[in-house]
């Protein structure tokens, strides 16, 4: 898979996950739970679309790697801004 194709696929999957978390309310519940147990930095990152898109893109890229694809490091730098734009 080419790097541009990987970045687009990772960004689209990450956008779907973030929108799904937002529509189902899991994003808010997870943020409130982190506030309750005292991990405020994670709660703040769940509020920030760019931070959340970076971590979701990292998770998706690692999942692709586990399934046999070899994502480039450049994918982790290019996919979050694309994801943020799509949101």
C-alpha atoms as a PDB file:
ATOM      1  CA  UNK A   1       0.000   0.000   0.000  1.00  0.00           C
ATOM      2  CA  UNK A   2       1.360   3.418  -0.858  1.00  0.00           C
ATOM      3  CA  UNK A   3       1.873   5.963   1.894  1.00  0.00           C
ATOM      4  CA  UNK A   4      -0.789   8.360   0.607  1.00  0.00           C
ATOM      5  CA  UNK A   5      -3.332   5.558   0.345  1.00  0.00           C
ATOM      6  CA  UNK A   6      -2.497   4.404   3.875  1.00  0.00           C
ATOM      7  CA  UNK A   7      -2.865   7.937   5.253  1.00  0.00           C
ATOM      8  CA  UNK A   8      -6.268   8.337   3.626  1.00  0.00           C
ATOM      9  CA  UNK A   9      -7.508   4.933   4.818  1.00  0.00           C
ATOM     10  CA  UNK A  10      -6.264   5.541   8.373  1.00  0.00           C
ATOM     11  CA  UNK A  11      -7.850   9.013   8.395  1.00  0.00           C
ATOM     12  CA  UNK A  12     -11.202   7.707   7.141  1.00  0.00           C
ATOM     13  CA  UNK A  13     -11.317   4.886   9.688  1.00  0.00           C
ATOM     14  CA  UNK A  14     -10.281   7.251  12.493  1.00  0.00           C
ATOM     15  CA  UNK A  15     -12.948   9.752  11.450  1.00  0.00           C
ATOM     16  CA  UNK A  16     -15.573   7.011  11.521  1.00  0.00           C
ATOM     17  CA  UNK A  17     -14.491   5.909  15.012  1.00  0.00           C
ATOM     18  CA  UNK A  18     -14.517   9.463  16.391  1.00  0.00           C
ATOM     19  CA  UNK A  19     -17.922  10.234  14.891  1.00  0.00           C
ATOM     20  CA  UNK A  20     -19.282   6.933  16.208  1.00  0.00           C
ATOM     21  CA  UNK A  21     -17.978   7.711  19.697  1.00  0.00           C
ATOM     22  CA  UNK A  22     -19.555  11.153  19.527  1.00  0.00           C
ATOM     23  CA  UNK A  23     -22.949   9.990  18.257  1.00  0.00           C
ATOM     24  CA  UNK A  24     -23.288   7.175  20.783  1.00  0.00           C
ATOM     25  CA  UNK A  25     -22.181   9.351  23.690  1.00  0.00           C
ATOM     26  CA  UNK A  26     -19.247   7.103  24.562  1.00  0.00           C
ATOM     27  CA  UNK A  27     -16.801   9.969  24.085  1.00  0.00           C
ATOM     28  CA  UNK A  28     -18.564  12.058  26.728  1.00  0.00           C
ATOM     29  CA  UNK A  29     -18.955   9.115  29.102  1.00  0.00           C
ATOM     30  CA  UNK A  30     -15.280   8.215  28.769  1.00  0.00           C
ATOM     31  CA  UNK A  31     -14.283  11.865  29.325  1.00  0.00           C
ATOM     32  CA  UNK A  32     -16.474  12.131  32.439  1.00  0.00           C
ATOM     33  CA  UNK A  33     -15.107   8.844  33.771  1.00  0.00           C
ATOM     34  CA  UNK A  34     -11.524  10.116  33.366  1.00  0.00           C
ATOM     35  CA  UNK A  35     -12.444  13.323  35.180  1.00  0.00           C
ATOM     36  CA  UNK A  36     -14.003  11.310  37.979  1.00  0.00           C
ATOM     37  CA  UNK A  37     -10.940   9.108  38.558  1.00  0.00           C
ATOM     38  CA  UNK A  38      -8.581  12.070  38.331  1.00  0.00           C
ATOM     39  CA  UNK A  39      -6.893  11.643  34.952  1.00  0.00           C
ATOM     40  CA  UNK A  40      -7.586  15.142  33.705  1.00  0.00           C
ATOM     41  CA  UNK A  41      -5.005  15.074  30.886  1.00  0.00           C
ATOM     42  CA  UNK A  42      -6.857  12.216  29.171  1.00  0.00           C
ATOM     43  CA  UNK A  43     -10.155  14.038  29.677  1.00  0.00           C
ATOM     44  CA  UNK A  44      -8.662  17.165  28.089  1.00  0.00           C
ATOM     45  CA  UNK A  45      -7.346  15.145  25.154  1.00  0.00           C
ATOM     46  CA  UNK A  46     -10.805  13.682  24.592  1.00  0.00           C
ATOM     47  CA  UNK A  47     -12.127  17.231  24.217  1.00  0.00           C
ATOM     48  CA  UNK A  48      -9.475  18.125  21.618  1.00  0.00           C
ATOM     49  CA  UNK A  49     -10.329  16.747  18.164  1.00  0.00           C
ATOM     50  CA  UNK A  50      -6.716  16.898  16.988  1.00  0.00           C
ATOM     51  CA  UNK A  51      -5.359  15.027  20.032  1.00  0.00           C
ATOM     52  CA  UNK A  52      -8.063  12.401  19.824  1.00  0.00           C
ATOM     53  CA  UNK A  53      -7.552  11.982  16.086  1.00  0.00           C
ATOM     54  CA  UNK A  54      -3.804  11.439  16.615  1.00  0.00           C
ATOM     55  CA  UNK A  55      -4.365   8.697  19.190  1.00  0.00           C
ATOM     56  CA  UNK A  56      -7.103   7.033  17.158  1.00  0.00           C
ATOM     57  CA  UNK A  57      -4.881   7.174  14.041  1.00  0.00           C
ATOM     58  CA  UNK A  58      -2.067   5.592  16.042  1.00  0.00           C
ATOM     59  CA  UNK A  59      -4.432   2.817  17.156  1.00  0.00           C
ATOM     60  CA  UNK A  60      -5.645   2.239  13.581  1.00  0.00           C
ATOM     61  CA  UNK A  61      -2.081   2.211  12.196  1.00  0.00           C
ATOM     62  CA  UNK A  62      -1.010  -0.307  14.846  1.00  0.00           C
ATOM     63  CA  UNK A  63      -4.051  -2.421  13.991  1.00  0.00           C
ATOM     64  CA  UNK A  64      -3.068  -2.358  10.315  1.00  0.00           C
ATOM     65  CA  UNK A  65       0.446  -3.357  11.298  1.00  0.00           C
ATOM     66  CA  UNK A  66      -0.943  -6.284  13.301  1.00  0.00           C
ATOM     67  CA  UNK A  67      -2.890  -7.476  10.249  1.00  0.00           C
ATOM     68  CA  UNK A  68       0.226  -7.536   8.086  1.00  0.00           C
ATOM     69  CA  UNK A  69       0.331  -4.117   6.473  1.00  0.00           C
ATOM     70  CA  UNK A  70       3.363  -1.963   7.056  1.00  0.00           C
ATOM     71  CA  UNK A  71       2.270   1.613   7.783  1.00  0.00           C
ATOM     72  CA  UNK A  72       4.977   4.213   7.397  1.00  0.00           C
ATOM     73  CA  UNK A  73       5.792   6.757  10.085  1.00  0.00           C
ATOM     74  CA  UNK A  74       4.656   9.449   7.670  1.00  0.00           C
ATOM     75  CA  UNK A  75       1.111   8.076   7.957  1.00  0.00           C
ATOM     76  CA  UNK A  76       1.009   9.086  11.629  1.00  0.00           C
ATOM     77  CA  UNK A  77       2.023  12.618  10.684  1.00  0.00           C
ATOM     78  CA  UNK A  78      -0.380  13.003   7.740  1.00  0.00           C
ATOM     79  CA  UNK A  79      -3.516  11.205   8.892  1.00  0.00           C
ATOM     80  CA  UNK A  80      -4.490  13.332  11.965  1.00  0.00           C
ATOM     81  CA  UNK A  81      -4.794  16.626  10.029  1.00  0.00           C
ATOM     82  CA  UNK A  82      -6.880  14.846   7.385  1.00  0.00           C
ATOM     83  CA  UNK A  83      -9.047  13.392  10.125  1.00  0.00           C
ATOM     84  CA  UNK A  84      -9.447  16.788  11.768  1.00  0.00           C
ATOM     85  CA  UNK A  85     -10.470  18.294   8.430  1.00  0.00           C
ATOM     86  CA  UNK A  86     -13.048  15.536   7.873  1.00  0.00           C
ATOM     87  CA  UNK A  87     -14.549  16.069  11.325  1.00  0.00           C
END
